[in-house]
Amino acid sequence: MEVTVVKEGRQGILGLGAEEARVRVRSLVEVPEKESDIAEAAKRVLETLLARVGVVASVVSQTKPPIEGSEGASNVITLDVTGDDLGILIGRRGQTLSSLQYIVRLIVAHQEKARVPIVIDVEGYKQRRYGALQALAWRMAEQVKVRGRSFALEPMSAYERRIIHLTLADDPDVITESIGDGEARKVVIMLKEE
């Protein structure tokens, strides 16, 4: 970092007339290069893990801007895995994919001494699951409106529950709430009370 004092502060007398100092701070490190280094490291780690378990696949890395509303967050590194018969990497309801993503994040954070969000997707599974969860949320919200009774969805991961909450956040007639503990945590969709 390069720090330049723009205006020196004053203490004042008993705190009266005090002024804060003004400084300008400039980073001397090029962030995009670091992110591309981390993206390459993440790609290498994933390729090594896949080779060790005997899965033949290709990995493409991309760096995407952070999700809206996450101020100060760094770019998201997305690793897209393509190949034949990769269902083994997804697992039941994406559990294997989640575990693989967690392991890659840990290894990269340890190697690079930096925590950067890394998302792994296999053959567009996460995009398809995202769309399916949105459709489920809208369909169940309509059922709640028609029947006038709340409805509890199946237990989901925090990521999937968040998709349901965000999908129905702007619906004027229903609200969502997560209930339960641990892996049994699920979303309940209910009518808004006047």
N, C-alpha and C. Protein backbone atom coordinates (compact mmCIF):
# COMPACT_ATOMS: atom_id res chain seq x y z
N MET A 1 0.83 -1.18 0.00
CA MET A 1 0.00 0.00 0.00
C MET A 1 0.88 1.25 0.00
N GLU A 2 0.39 2.28 -0.65
CA GLU A 2 1.06 3.58 -0.62
C GLU A 2 0.11 4.54 0.10
N VAL A 3 0.59 5.13 1.18
CA VAL A 3 -0.24 6.03 1.99
C VAL A 3 0.29 7.45 1.84
N THR A 4 -0.61 8.38 1.46
CA THR A 4 -0.25 9.79 1.32
C THR A 4 -1.13 10.60 2.26
N VAL A 5 -0.49 11.44 3.09
CA VAL A 5 -1.25 12.29 4.00
C VAL A 5 -1.71 13.52 3.22
N VAL A 6 -3.02 13.67 3.07
CA VAL A 6 -3.58 14.79 2.33
C VAL A 6 -3.71 16.00 3.26
N LYS A 7 -4.17 15.76 4.49
CA LYS A 7 -4.34 16.84 5.46
C LYS A 7 -4.08 16.28 6.84
N GLU A 8 -3.20 16.94 7.59
CA GLU A 8 -2.90 16.48 8.93
C GLU A 8 -4.02 16.93 9.87
N GLY A 9 -4.32 16.11 10.84
CA GLY A 9 -5.38 16.43 11.79
C GLY A 9 -4.88 17.33 12.91
N ARG A 10 -5.84 17.81 13.72
CA ARG A 10 -5.51 18.61 14.90
C ARG A 10 -6.19 18.01 16.11
N GLN A 11 -5.52 18.12 17.26
CA GLN A 11 -6.09 17.58 18.49
C GLN A 11 -7.12 18.53 19.08
N GLY A 12 -6.90 19.79 18.99
CA GLY A 12 -7.79 20.76 19.61
C GLY A 12 -7.53 20.84 21.10
N ILE A 13 -8.35 21.60 21.79
CA ILE A 13 -8.21 21.76 23.23
C ILE A 13 -9.40 21.06 23.88
N LEU A 14 -9.10 20.05 24.68
CA LEU A 14 -10.12 19.23 25.32
C LEU A 14 -11.12 18.67 24.30
N GLY A 15 -10.64 18.39 23.13
CA GLY A 15 -11.48 17.82 22.08
C GLY A 15 -12.22 18.84 21.25
N LEU A 16 -12.20 20.12 21.67
CA LEU A 16 -12.88 21.16 20.92
C LEU A 16 -11.98 21.64 19.79
N GLY A 17 -12.53 21.76 18.61
CA GLY A 17 -11.77 22.21 17.45
C GLY A 17 -10.90 21.13 16.84
N ALA A 18 -11.11 19.89 17.24
CA ALA A 18 -10.32 18.79 16.70
C ALA A 18 -10.75 18.48 15.27
N GLU A 19 -9.81 18.08 14.45
CA GLU A 19 -10.08 17.66 13.07
C GLU A 19 -9.38 16.34 12.82
N GLU A 20 -10.05 15.49 12.07
CA GLU A 20 -9.44 14.21 11.71
C GLU A 20 -8.47 14.41 10.56
N ALA A 21 -7.45 13.56 10.52
CA ALA A 21 -6.50 13.58 9.42
C ALA A 21 -7.14 12.95 8.19
N ARG A 22 -6.70 13.37 7.00
CA ARG A 22 -7.18 12.78 5.76
C ARG A 22 -6.00 12.14 5.06
N VAL A 23 -6.17 10.88 4.66
CA VAL A 23 -5.11 10.17 3.97
C VAL A 23 -5.66 9.53 2.70
N ARG A 24 -4.78 9.29 1.76
CA ARG A 24 -5.14 8.60 0.52
C ARG A 24 -4.33 7.31 0.50
N VAL A 25 -5.02 6.19 0.30
CA VAL A 25 -4.36 4.89 0.28
C VAL A 25 -4.53 4.29 -1.10
N ARG A 26 -3.41 3.81 -1.66
CA ARG A 26 -3.44 3.20 -2.99
C ARG A 26 -2.75 1.85 -2.92
N SER A 27 -3.41 0.86 -3.49
CA SER A 27 -2.87 -0.49 -3.51
C SER A 27 -1.76 -0.59 -4.54
N LEU A 28 -0.65 -1.19 -4.17
CA LEU A 28 0.46 -1.40 -5.09
C LEU A 28 0.39 -2.79 -5.73
N VAL A 29 -0.57 -3.61 -5.27
CA VAL A 29 -0.73 -4.96 -5.79
C VAL A 29 -1.82 -4.96 -6.84
N GLU A 30 -1.57 -5.58 -7.97
CA GLU A 30 -2.56 -5.70 -9.02
C GLU A 30 -3.50 -6.84 -8.68
N VAL A 31 -4.74 -6.54 -8.33
CA VAL A 31 -5.71 -7.54 -7.91
C VAL A 31 -6.08 -8.52 -9.03
N PRO A 32 -6.35 -8.05 -10.27
CA PRO A 32 -6.74 -9.01 -11.30
C PRO A 32 -5.72 -10.14 -11.53
N GLU A 33 -4.43 -9.83 -11.45
CA GLU A 33 -3.43 -10.89 -11.62
C GLU A 33 -3.54 -11.90 -10.50
N LYS A 34 -3.74 -11.43 -9.29
CA LYS A 34 -3.86 -12.33 -8.15
C LYS A 34 -5.07 -13.23 -8.32
N GLU A 35 -6.19 -12.65 -8.76
CA GLU A 35 -7.39 -13.46 -8.95
C GLU A 35 -7.19 -14.48 -10.06
N SER A 36 -6.48 -14.10 -11.12
CA SER A 36 -6.25 -15.07 -12.19
C SER A 36 -5.31 -16.17 -11.71
N ASP A 37 -4.35 -15.81 -10.84
CA ASP A 37 -3.47 -16.83 -10.25
C ASP A 37 -4.28 -17.79 -9.40
N ILE A 38 -5.20 -17.26 -8.61
CA ILE A 38 -6.03 -18.11 -7.75
C ILE A 38 -6.95 -18.97 -8.60
N ALA A 39 -7.49 -18.40 -9.69
CA ALA A 39 -8.36 -19.18 -10.58
C ALA A 39 -7.58 -20.34 -11.19
N GLU A 40 -6.35 -20.09 -11.61
CA GLU A 40 -5.51 -21.15 -12.17
C GLU A 40 -5.17 -22.20 -11.12
N ALA A 41 -4.90 -21.75 -9.90
CA ALA A 41 -4.60 -22.69 -8.82
C ALA A 41 -5.82 -23.56 -8.53
N ALA A 42 -7.01 -22.96 -8.51
CA ALA A 42 -8.23 -23.71 -8.26
C ALA A 42 -8.47 -24.74 -9.36
N LYS A 43 -8.21 -24.33 -10.60
CA LYS A 43 -8.38 -25.24 -11.74
C LYS A 43 -7.42 -26.42 -11.62
N ARG A 44 -6.16 -26.14 -11.28
CA ARG A 44 -5.17 -27.22 -11.12
C ARG A 44 -5.57 -28.19 -10.01
N VAL A 45 -6.03 -27.64 -8.88
CA VAL A 45 -6.44 -28.48 -7.75
C VAL A 45 -7.59 -29.40 -8.17
N LEU A 46 -8.60 -28.83 -8.82
CA LEU A 46 -9.75 -29.64 -9.24
C LEU A 46 -9.33 -30.70 -10.26
N GLU A 47 -8.50 -30.33 -11.22
CA GLU A 47 -8.04 -31.30 -12.22
C GLU A 47 -7.26 -32.44 -11.55
N THR A 48 -6.45 -32.11 -10.57
CA THR A 48 -5.68 -33.12 -9.85
C THR A 48 -6.61 -34.06 -9.08
N LEU A 49 -7.59 -33.51 -8.39
CA LEU A 49 -8.55 -34.34 -7.64
C LEU A 49 -9.32 -35.26 -8.58
N LEU A 50 -9.77 -34.72 -9.71
CA LEU A 50 -10.52 -35.54 -10.67
C LEU A 50 -9.65 -36.66 -11.23
N ALA A 51 -8.39 -36.36 -11.52
CA ALA A 51 -7.48 -37.37 -12.05
C ALA A 51 -7.23 -38.47 -11.01
N ARG A 52 -7.10 -38.07 -9.75
CA ARG A 52 -6.83 -39.05 -8.69
C ARG A 52 -8.00 -40.00 -8.44
N VAL A 53 -9.22 -39.54 -8.67
CA VAL A 53 -10.38 -40.43 -8.49
C VAL A 53 -10.76 -41.12 -9.80
N GLY A 54 -10.02 -40.87 -10.85
CA GLY A 54 -10.23 -41.56 -12.11
C GLY A 54 -11.36 -41.02 -12.97
N VAL A 55 -11.70 -39.75 -12.79
CA VAL A 55 -12.76 -39.13 -13.60
C VAL A 55 -12.10 -38.36 -14.74
N VAL A 56 -12.51 -38.69 -15.97
CA VAL A 56 -11.98 -38.00 -17.14
C VAL A 56 -12.92 -36.85 -17.47
N ALA A 57 -12.43 -35.63 -17.33
CA ALA A 57 -13.24 -34.44 -17.58
C ALA A 57 -12.34 -33.26 -17.88
N SER A 58 -12.92 -32.23 -18.49
CA SER A 58 -12.16 -31.00 -18.71
C SER A 58 -12.74 -29.91 -17.83
N VAL A 59 -11.86 -29.01 -17.38
CA VAL A 59 -12.25 -27.94 -16.47
C VAL A 59 -11.94 -26.60 -17.12
N VAL A 60 -12.94 -25.71 -17.11
CA VAL A 60 -12.77 -24.36 -17.63
C VAL A 60 -13.02 -23.40 -16.48
N SER A 61 -12.11 -22.46 -16.26
CA SER A 61 -12.30 -21.49 -15.16
C SER A 61 -12.71 -20.13 -15.72
N GLN A 62 -13.58 -19.47 -14.98
CA GLN A 62 -14.03 -18.11 -15.31
C GLN A 62 -14.05 -17.31 -14.02
N THR A 63 -13.84 -16.01 -14.14
CA THR A 63 -13.97 -15.13 -12.99
C THR A 63 -15.15 -14.22 -13.26
N LYS A 64 -16.13 -14.26 -12.33
CA LYS A 64 -17.35 -13.48 -12.50
C LYS A 64 -17.46 -12.45 -11.39
N PRO A 65 -18.14 -11.33 -11.63
CA PRO A 65 -18.32 -10.33 -10.58
C PRO A 65 -19.17 -10.89 -9.45
N PRO A 66 -19.03 -10.33 -8.23
CA PRO A 66 -19.79 -10.82 -7.10
C PRO A 66 -21.30 -10.60 -7.29
N ILE A 67 -22.08 -11.31 -6.52
CA ILE A 67 -23.53 -11.19 -6.56
C ILE A 67 -23.93 -9.81 -6.08
N GLU A 68 -24.99 -9.25 -6.68
CA GLU A 68 -25.46 -7.92 -6.29
C GLU A 68 -25.76 -7.89 -4.80
N GLY A 69 -25.42 -6.78 -4.17
CA GLY A 69 -25.71 -6.60 -2.76
C GLY A 69 -24.62 -7.12 -1.84
N SER A 70 -23.57 -7.74 -2.37
CA SER A 70 -22.48 -8.22 -1.53
C SER A 70 -21.30 -7.27 -1.69
N GLU A 71 -21.41 -6.12 -1.03
CA GLU A 71 -20.39 -5.09 -1.14
C GLU A 71 -19.07 -5.57 -0.57
N GLY A 72 -18.00 -5.22 -1.22
CA GLY A 72 -16.68 -5.56 -0.74
C GLY A 72 -16.28 -7.00 -1.05
N ALA A 73 -17.18 -7.76 -1.64
CA ALA A 73 -16.86 -9.15 -1.96
C ALA A 73 -15.96 -9.21 -3.18
N SER A 74 -15.09 -10.22 -3.20
CA SER A 74 -14.21 -10.37 -4.36
C SER A 74 -14.95 -11.14 -5.44
N ASN A 75 -14.35 -11.17 -6.61
CA ASN A 75 -14.96 -11.87 -7.74
C ASN A 75 -15.10 -13.36 -7.43
N VAL A 76 -16.07 -13.98 -8.06
CA VAL A 76 -16.34 -15.40 -7.86
C VAL A 76 -15.62 -16.18 -8.96
N ILE A 77 -14.87 -17.19 -8.56
CA ILE A 77 -14.19 -18.07 -9.51
C ILE A 77 -15.12 -19.24 -9.78
N THR A 78 -15.50 -19.42 -11.04
CA THR A 78 -16.40 -20.50 -11.42
C THR A 78 -15.62 -21.53 -12.23
N LEU A 79 -15.71 -22.77 -11.81
CA LEU A 79 -15.06 -23.87 -12.52
C LEU A 79 -16.14 -24.74 -13.13
N ASP A 80 -16.21 -24.77 -14.46
CA ASP A 80 -17.19 -25.59 -15.17
C ASP A 80 -16.53 -26.89 -15.60
N VAL A 81 -17.11 -28.01 -15.17
CA VAL A 81 -16.58 -29.33 -15.48
C VAL A 81 -17.45 -29.96 -16.55
N THR A 82 -16.83 -30.42 -17.64
CA THR A 82 -17.57 -31.08 -18.71
C THR A 82 -16.91 -32.42 -19.03
N GLY A 83 -17.72 -33.34 -19.49
CA GLY A 83 -17.22 -34.65 -19.86
C GLY A 83 -18.37 -35.63 -19.98
N ASP A 84 -18.05 -36.91 -20.08
CA ASP A 84 -19.07 -37.95 -20.21
C ASP A 84 -19.32 -38.61 -18.86
N ASP A 85 -20.59 -38.91 -18.58
CA ASP A 85 -20.99 -39.67 -17.40
C ASP A 85 -20.43 -39.07 -16.11
N LEU A 86 -20.77 -37.81 -15.84
CA LEU A 86 -20.26 -37.12 -14.66
C LEU A 86 -21.26 -37.08 -13.50
N GLY A 87 -22.30 -37.90 -13.57
CA GLY A 87 -23.28 -37.96 -12.50
C GLY A 87 -22.66 -38.30 -11.16
N ILE A 88 -21.55 -39.04 -11.18
CA ILE A 88 -20.87 -39.40 -9.95
C ILE A 88 -20.33 -38.17 -9.22
N LEU A 89 -20.01 -37.12 -9.97
CA LEU A 89 -19.51 -35.89 -9.34
C LEU A 89 -20.63 -35.07 -8.71
N ILE A 90 -21.85 -35.24 -9.21
CA ILE A 90 -22.98 -34.47 -8.68
C ILE A 90 -23.49 -35.13 -7.40
N GLY A 91 -23.72 -36.43 -7.45
CA GLY A 91 -24.22 -37.14 -6.28
C GLY A 91 -25.70 -36.87 -6.05
N ARG A 92 -26.22 -37.42 -4.97
CA ARG A 92 -27.63 -37.26 -4.64
C ARG A 92 -27.90 -35.82 -4.23
N ARG A 93 -28.79 -35.17 -4.97
CA ARG A 93 -29.17 -33.77 -4.73
C ARG A 93 -27.96 -32.84 -4.65
N GLY A 94 -26.91 -33.16 -5.37
CA GLY A 94 -25.74 -32.28 -5.43
C GLY A 94 -24.83 -32.35 -4.24
N GLN A 95 -25.00 -33.36 -3.37
CA GLN A 95 -24.18 -33.44 -2.16
C GLN A 95 -22.71 -33.68 -2.47
N THR A 96 -22.42 -34.54 -3.43
CA THR A 96 -21.02 -34.81 -3.79
C THR A 96 -20.39 -33.56 -4.38
N LEU A 97 -21.14 -32.86 -5.21
CA LEU A 97 -20.65 -31.62 -5.81
C LEU A 97 -20.36 -30.57 -4.74
N SER A 98 -21.24 -30.46 -3.75
CA SER A 98 -21.02 -29.52 -2.64
C SER A 98 -19.76 -29.87 -1.86
N SER A 99 -19.57 -31.15 -1.61
CA SER A 99 -18.38 -31.60 -0.87
C SER A 99 -17.11 -31.34 -1.67
N LEU A 100 -17.16 -31.61 -2.97
CA LEU A 100 -16.01 -31.35 -3.83
C LEU A 100 -15.66 -29.86 -3.84
N GLN A 101 -16.67 -29.02 -3.94
CA GLN A 101 -16.48 -27.57 -3.93
C GLN A 101 -15.84 -27.13 -2.61
N TYR A 102 -16.31 -27.69 -1.49
CA TYR A 102 -15.78 -27.37 -0.17
C TYR A 102 -14.29 -27.74 -0.07
N ILE A 103 -13.96 -28.94 -0.56
CA ILE A 103 -12.57 -29.41 -0.49
C ILE A 103 -11.66 -28.52 -1.34
N VAL A 104 -12.10 -28.19 -2.55
CA VAL A 104 -11.29 -27.33 -3.42
C VAL A 104 -11.09 -25.96 -2.77
N ARG A 105 -12.14 -25.41 -2.17
CA ARG A 105 -12.01 -24.11 -1.48
C ARG A 105 -10.98 -24.17 -0.37
N LEU A 106 -11.02 -25.25 0.43
CA LEU A 106 -10.07 -25.39 1.53
C LEU A 106 -8.63 -25.48 1.03
N ILE A 107 -8.41 -26.31 0.02
CA ILE A 107 -7.06 -26.50 -0.50
C ILE A 107 -6.53 -25.20 -1.10
N VAL A 108 -7.34 -24.51 -1.89
CA VAL A 108 -6.90 -23.27 -2.53
C VAL A 108 -6.64 -22.19 -1.47
N ALA A 109 -7.52 -22.09 -0.47
CA ALA A 109 -7.32 -21.10 0.59
C ALA A 109 -6.01 -21.36 1.34
N HIS A 110 -5.70 -22.63 1.56
CA HIS A 110 -4.46 -22.98 2.26
C HIS A 110 -3.23 -22.69 1.39
N GLN A 111 -3.30 -23.04 0.11
CA GLN A 111 -2.16 -22.84 -0.79
C GLN A 111 -1.91 -21.37 -1.08
N GLU A 112 -2.96 -20.63 -1.36
CA GLU A 112 -2.82 -19.24 -1.81
C GLU A 112 -2.92 -18.22 -0.68
N LYS A 113 -3.23 -18.68 0.50
CA LYS A 113 -3.38 -17.78 1.67
C LYS A 113 -4.42 -16.69 1.39
N ALA A 114 -5.47 -17.06 0.68
CA ALA A 114 -6.54 -16.11 0.35
C ALA A 114 -7.85 -16.87 0.24
N ARG A 115 -8.90 -16.26 0.74
CA ARG A 115 -10.22 -16.87 0.64
C ARG A 115 -10.99 -16.18 -0.48
N VAL A 116 -11.24 -16.91 -1.54
CA VAL A 116 -11.98 -16.40 -2.68
C VAL A 116 -13.14 -17.36 -2.93
N PRO A 117 -14.34 -16.83 -3.18
CA PRO A 117 -15.46 -17.73 -3.46
C PRO A 117 -15.20 -18.54 -4.73
N ILE A 118 -15.30 -19.86 -4.60
CA ILE A 118 -15.12 -20.76 -5.73
C ILE A 118 -16.39 -21.57 -5.89
N VAL A 119 -16.93 -21.58 -7.11
CA VAL A 119 -18.14 -22.33 -7.41
C VAL A 119 -17.79 -23.36 -8.47
N ILE A 120 -18.15 -24.62 -8.20
CA ILE A 120 -17.92 -25.69 -9.17
C ILE A 120 -19.27 -26.13 -9.70
N ASP A 121 -19.38 -26.20 -11.03
CA ASP A 121 -20.61 -26.66 -11.67
C ASP A 121 -20.25 -27.79 -12.63
N VAL A 122 -21.08 -28.83 -12.65
CA VAL A 122 -20.86 -29.98 -13.52
C VAL A 122 -21.95 -30.02 -14.57
N GLU A 123 -21.55 -29.83 -15.84
CA GLU A 123 -22.49 -29.91 -16.97
C GLU A 123 -23.74 -29.05 -16.77
N GLY A 124 -23.59 -27.88 -16.14
CA GLY A 124 -24.72 -26.97 -15.96
C GLY A 124 -25.72 -27.42 -14.92
N TYR A 125 -25.35 -28.36 -14.04
CA TYR A 125 -26.27 -28.88 -13.01
C TYR A 125 -26.82 -27.77 -12.12
N LYS A 126 -25.94 -26.89 -11.65
CA LYS A 126 -26.39 -25.85 -10.71
C LYS A 126 -27.37 -24.89 -11.37
N GLN A 127 -27.16 -24.57 -12.64
CA GLN A 127 -28.10 -23.70 -13.35
C GLN A 127 -29.46 -24.37 -13.50
N ARG A 128 -29.44 -25.67 -13.83
CA ARG A 128 -30.71 -26.40 -13.96
C ARG A 128 -31.41 -26.50 -12.62
N ARG A 129 -30.66 -26.77 -11.56
CA ARG A 129 -31.24 -26.90 -10.21
C ARG A 129 -31.81 -25.55 -9.76
N TYR A 130 -31.11 -24.47 -10.07
CA TYR A 130 -31.57 -23.13 -9.73
C TYR A 130 -32.93 -22.86 -10.38
N GLY A 131 -33.05 -23.17 -11.66
CA GLY A 131 -34.31 -22.98 -12.38
C GLY A 131 -35.42 -23.86 -11.83
N ALA A 132 -35.09 -25.10 -11.50
CA ALA A 132 -36.08 -26.03 -10.95
C ALA A 132 -36.58 -25.54 -9.59
N LEU A 133 -35.68 -25.02 -8.76
CA LEU A 133 -36.08 -24.52 -7.44
C LEU A 133 -36.94 -23.26 -7.55
N GLN A 134 -36.63 -22.40 -8.51
CA GLN A 134 -37.46 -21.21 -8.73
C GLN A 134 -38.87 -21.63 -9.15
N ALA A 135 -38.96 -22.58 -10.08
CA ALA A 135 -40.26 -23.06 -10.55
C ALA A 135 -41.04 -23.70 -9.40
N LEU A 136 -40.35 -24.48 -8.57
CA LEU A 136 -40.99 -25.10 -7.41
C LEU A 136 -41.53 -24.03 -6.46
N ALA A 137 -40.73 -23.00 -6.21
CA ALA A 137 -41.15 -21.93 -5.30
C ALA A 137 -42.41 -21.25 -5.82
N TRP A 138 -42.44 -20.91 -7.11
CA TRP A 138 -43.62 -20.24 -7.67
C TRP A 138 -44.84 -21.15 -7.64
N ARG A 139 -44.63 -22.44 -7.96
CA ARG A 139 -45.74 -23.39 -7.98
C ARG A 139 -46.33 -23.58 -6.57
N MET A 140 -45.47 -23.73 -5.58
CA MET A 140 -45.95 -23.94 -4.20
C MET A 140 -46.58 -22.66 -3.64
N ALA A 141 -46.07 -21.50 -4.04
CA ALA A 141 -46.67 -20.24 -3.60
C ALA A 141 -48.09 -20.13 -4.13
N GLU A 142 -48.32 -20.55 -5.38
CA GLU A 142 -49.67 -20.54 -5.94
C GLU A 142 -50.59 -21.49 -5.18
N GLN A 143 -50.06 -22.66 -4.80
CA GLN A 143 -50.85 -23.63 -4.03
C GLN A 143 -51.23 -23.05 -2.66
N VAL A 144 -50.30 -22.36 -2.04
CA VAL A 144 -50.57 -21.73 -0.74
C VAL A 144 -51.66 -20.68 -0.89
N LYS A 145 -51.61 -19.89 -1.95
CA LYS A 145 -52.62 -18.86 -2.19
C LYS A 145 -53.99 -19.48 -2.44
N VAL A 146 -54.05 -20.55 -3.23
CA VAL A 146 -55.31 -21.19 -3.58
C VAL A 146 -55.92 -21.89 -2.37
N ARG A 147 -55.12 -22.64 -1.63
CA ARG A 147 -55.63 -23.43 -0.50
C ARG A 147 -55.73 -22.64 0.80
N GLY A 148 -54.97 -21.57 0.91
CA GLY A 148 -55.01 -20.77 2.13
C GLY A 148 -54.28 -21.41 3.30
N ARG A 149 -53.43 -22.40 3.02
CA ARG A 149 -52.67 -23.07 4.08
C ARG A 149 -51.19 -23.01 3.76
N SER A 150 -50.38 -22.98 4.81
CA SER A 150 -48.93 -22.95 4.60
C SER A 150 -48.46 -24.32 4.11
N PHE A 151 -47.27 -24.33 3.48
CA PHE A 151 -46.72 -25.56 2.93
C PHE A 151 -45.24 -25.62 3.24
N ALA A 152 -44.78 -26.76 3.76
CA ALA A 152 -43.36 -26.96 4.08
C ALA A 152 -42.71 -27.77 2.97
N LEU A 153 -41.63 -27.26 2.43
CA LEU A 153 -40.87 -27.96 1.40
C LEU A 153 -39.98 -29.01 2.05
N GLU A 154 -39.37 -29.85 1.23
CA GLU A 154 -38.44 -30.87 1.73
C GLU A 154 -37.20 -30.19 2.30
N PRO A 155 -36.46 -30.89 3.18
CA PRO A 155 -35.21 -30.31 3.71
C PRO A 155 -34.23 -29.99 2.58
N MET A 156 -33.56 -28.83 2.70
CA MET A 156 -32.64 -28.36 1.67
C MET A 156 -31.39 -27.78 2.31
N SER A 157 -30.37 -27.64 1.48
CA SER A 157 -29.14 -26.99 1.93
C SER A 157 -29.40 -25.48 2.06
N ALA A 158 -28.51 -24.79 2.72
CA ALA A 158 -28.65 -23.34 2.91
C ALA A 158 -28.71 -22.62 1.56
N TYR A 159 -27.89 -23.05 0.62
CA TYR A 159 -27.86 -22.45 -0.72
C TYR A 159 -29.22 -22.58 -1.40
N GLU A 160 -29.83 -23.77 -1.33
CA GLU A 160 -31.12 -24.00 -1.98
C GLU A 160 -32.24 -23.26 -1.26
N ARG A 161 -32.19 -23.20 0.06
CA ARG A 161 -33.21 -22.44 0.82
C ARG A 161 -33.14 -20.97 0.44
N ARG A 162 -31.93 -20.46 0.26
CA ARG A 162 -31.75 -19.06 -0.11
C ARG A 162 -32.40 -18.76 -1.47
N ILE A 163 -32.29 -19.70 -2.40
CA ILE A 163 -32.92 -19.52 -3.71
C ILE A 163 -34.44 -19.38 -3.55
N ILE A 164 -35.04 -20.22 -2.72
CA ILE A 164 -36.48 -20.16 -2.48
C ILE A 164 -36.85 -18.82 -1.87
N HIS A 165 -36.11 -18.40 -0.83
CA HIS A 165 -36.39 -17.12 -0.16
C HIS A 165 -36.29 -15.95 -1.14
N LEU A 166 -35.23 -15.92 -1.94
CA LEU A 166 -35.03 -14.81 -2.88
C LEU A 166 -36.09 -14.80 -3.99
N THR A 167 -36.50 -15.98 -4.43
CA THR A 167 -37.50 -16.08 -5.49
C THR A 167 -38.84 -15.49 -5.05
N LEU A 168 -39.21 -15.74 -3.79
CA LEU A 168 -40.52 -15.29 -3.31
C LEU A 168 -40.45 -14.02 -2.48
N ALA A 169 -39.29 -13.39 -2.42
CA ALA A 169 -39.13 -12.19 -1.59
C ALA A 169 -40.05 -11.04 -2.01
N ASP A 170 -40.30 -10.90 -3.30
CA ASP A 170 -41.13 -9.79 -3.78
C ASP A 170 -42.59 -10.15 -3.98
N ASP A 171 -42.97 -11.37 -3.64
CA ASP A 171 -44.36 -11.79 -3.79
C ASP A 171 -45.20 -11.07 -2.73
N PRO A 172 -46.26 -10.36 -3.14
CA PRO A 172 -47.03 -9.58 -2.17
C PRO A 172 -47.95 -10.42 -1.28
N ASP A 173 -48.17 -11.70 -1.63
CA ASP A 173 -49.15 -12.50 -0.89
C ASP A 173 -48.56 -13.54 0.04
N VAL A 174 -47.30 -13.94 -0.17
CA VAL A 174 -46.72 -14.99 0.67
C VAL A 174 -45.39 -14.54 1.28
N ILE A 175 -45.02 -15.22 2.37
CA ILE A 175 -43.72 -15.03 2.99
C ILE A 175 -43.09 -16.40 3.18
N THR A 176 -41.79 -16.43 3.36
CA THR A 176 -41.08 -17.69 3.57
C THR A 176 -40.32 -17.62 4.88
N GLU A 177 -40.12 -18.80 5.47
CA GLU A 177 -39.38 -18.89 6.72
C GLU A 177 -38.69 -20.24 6.78
N SER A 178 -37.45 -20.26 7.24
CA SER A 178 -36.73 -21.52 7.42
C SER A 178 -36.97 -22.04 8.82
N ILE A 179 -37.28 -23.33 8.92
CA ILE A 179 -37.50 -23.95 10.23
C ILE A 179 -36.69 -25.23 10.32
N GLY A 180 -36.48 -25.71 11.52
CA GLY A 180 -35.75 -26.95 11.73
C GLY A 180 -34.29 -26.70 12.02
N ASP A 181 -33.58 -27.80 12.26
CA ASP A 181 -32.16 -27.72 12.60
C ASP A 181 -31.33 -28.61 11.68
N GLY A 182 -30.11 -28.19 11.44
CA GLY A 182 -29.15 -28.99 10.70
C GLY A 182 -29.62 -29.38 9.32
N GLU A 183 -29.49 -30.67 9.00
CA GLU A 183 -29.86 -31.16 7.67
C GLU A 183 -31.36 -31.28 7.49
N ALA A 184 -32.13 -31.15 8.58
CA ALA A 184 -33.59 -31.24 8.49
C ALA A 184 -34.21 -29.85 8.29
N ARG A 185 -33.40 -28.83 8.12
CA ARG A 185 -33.91 -27.46 7.96
C ARG A 185 -34.61 -27.32 6.62
N LYS A 186 -35.80 -26.73 6.63
CA LYS A 186 -36.59 -26.60 5.41
C LYS A 186 -37.30 -25.26 5.38
N VAL A 187 -37.85 -24.93 4.21
CA VAL A 187 -38.55 -23.66 4.01
C VAL A 187 -40.05 -23.90 4.11
N VAL A 188 -40.71 -23.00 4.84
CA VAL A 188 -42.16 -23.01 4.91
C VAL A 188 -42.66 -21.77 4.17
N ILE A 189 -43.62 -21.99 3.25
CA ILE A 189 -44.23 -20.89 2.51
C ILE A 189 -45.61 -20.68 3.11
N MET A 190 -45.91 -19.44 3.51
CA MET A 190 -47.21 -19.15 4.14
C MET A 190 -47.78 -17.83 3.65
N LEU A 191 -49.08 -17.68 3.84
CA LEU A 191 -49.74 -16.44 3.46
C LEU A 191 -49.28 -15.30 4.35
N LYS A 192 -49.18 -14.11 3.76
CA LYS A 192 -48.87 -12.92 4.57
C LYS A 192 -50.08 -12.59 5.41
N GLU A 193 -49.82 -12.31 6.66
CA GLU A 193 -50.93 -11.94 7.53
C GLU A 193 -51.10 -10.44 7.47
N GLU A 194 -52.34 -10.03 7.40
CA GLU A 194 -52.66 -8.60 7.30
C GLU A 194 -52.19 -7.91 8.57
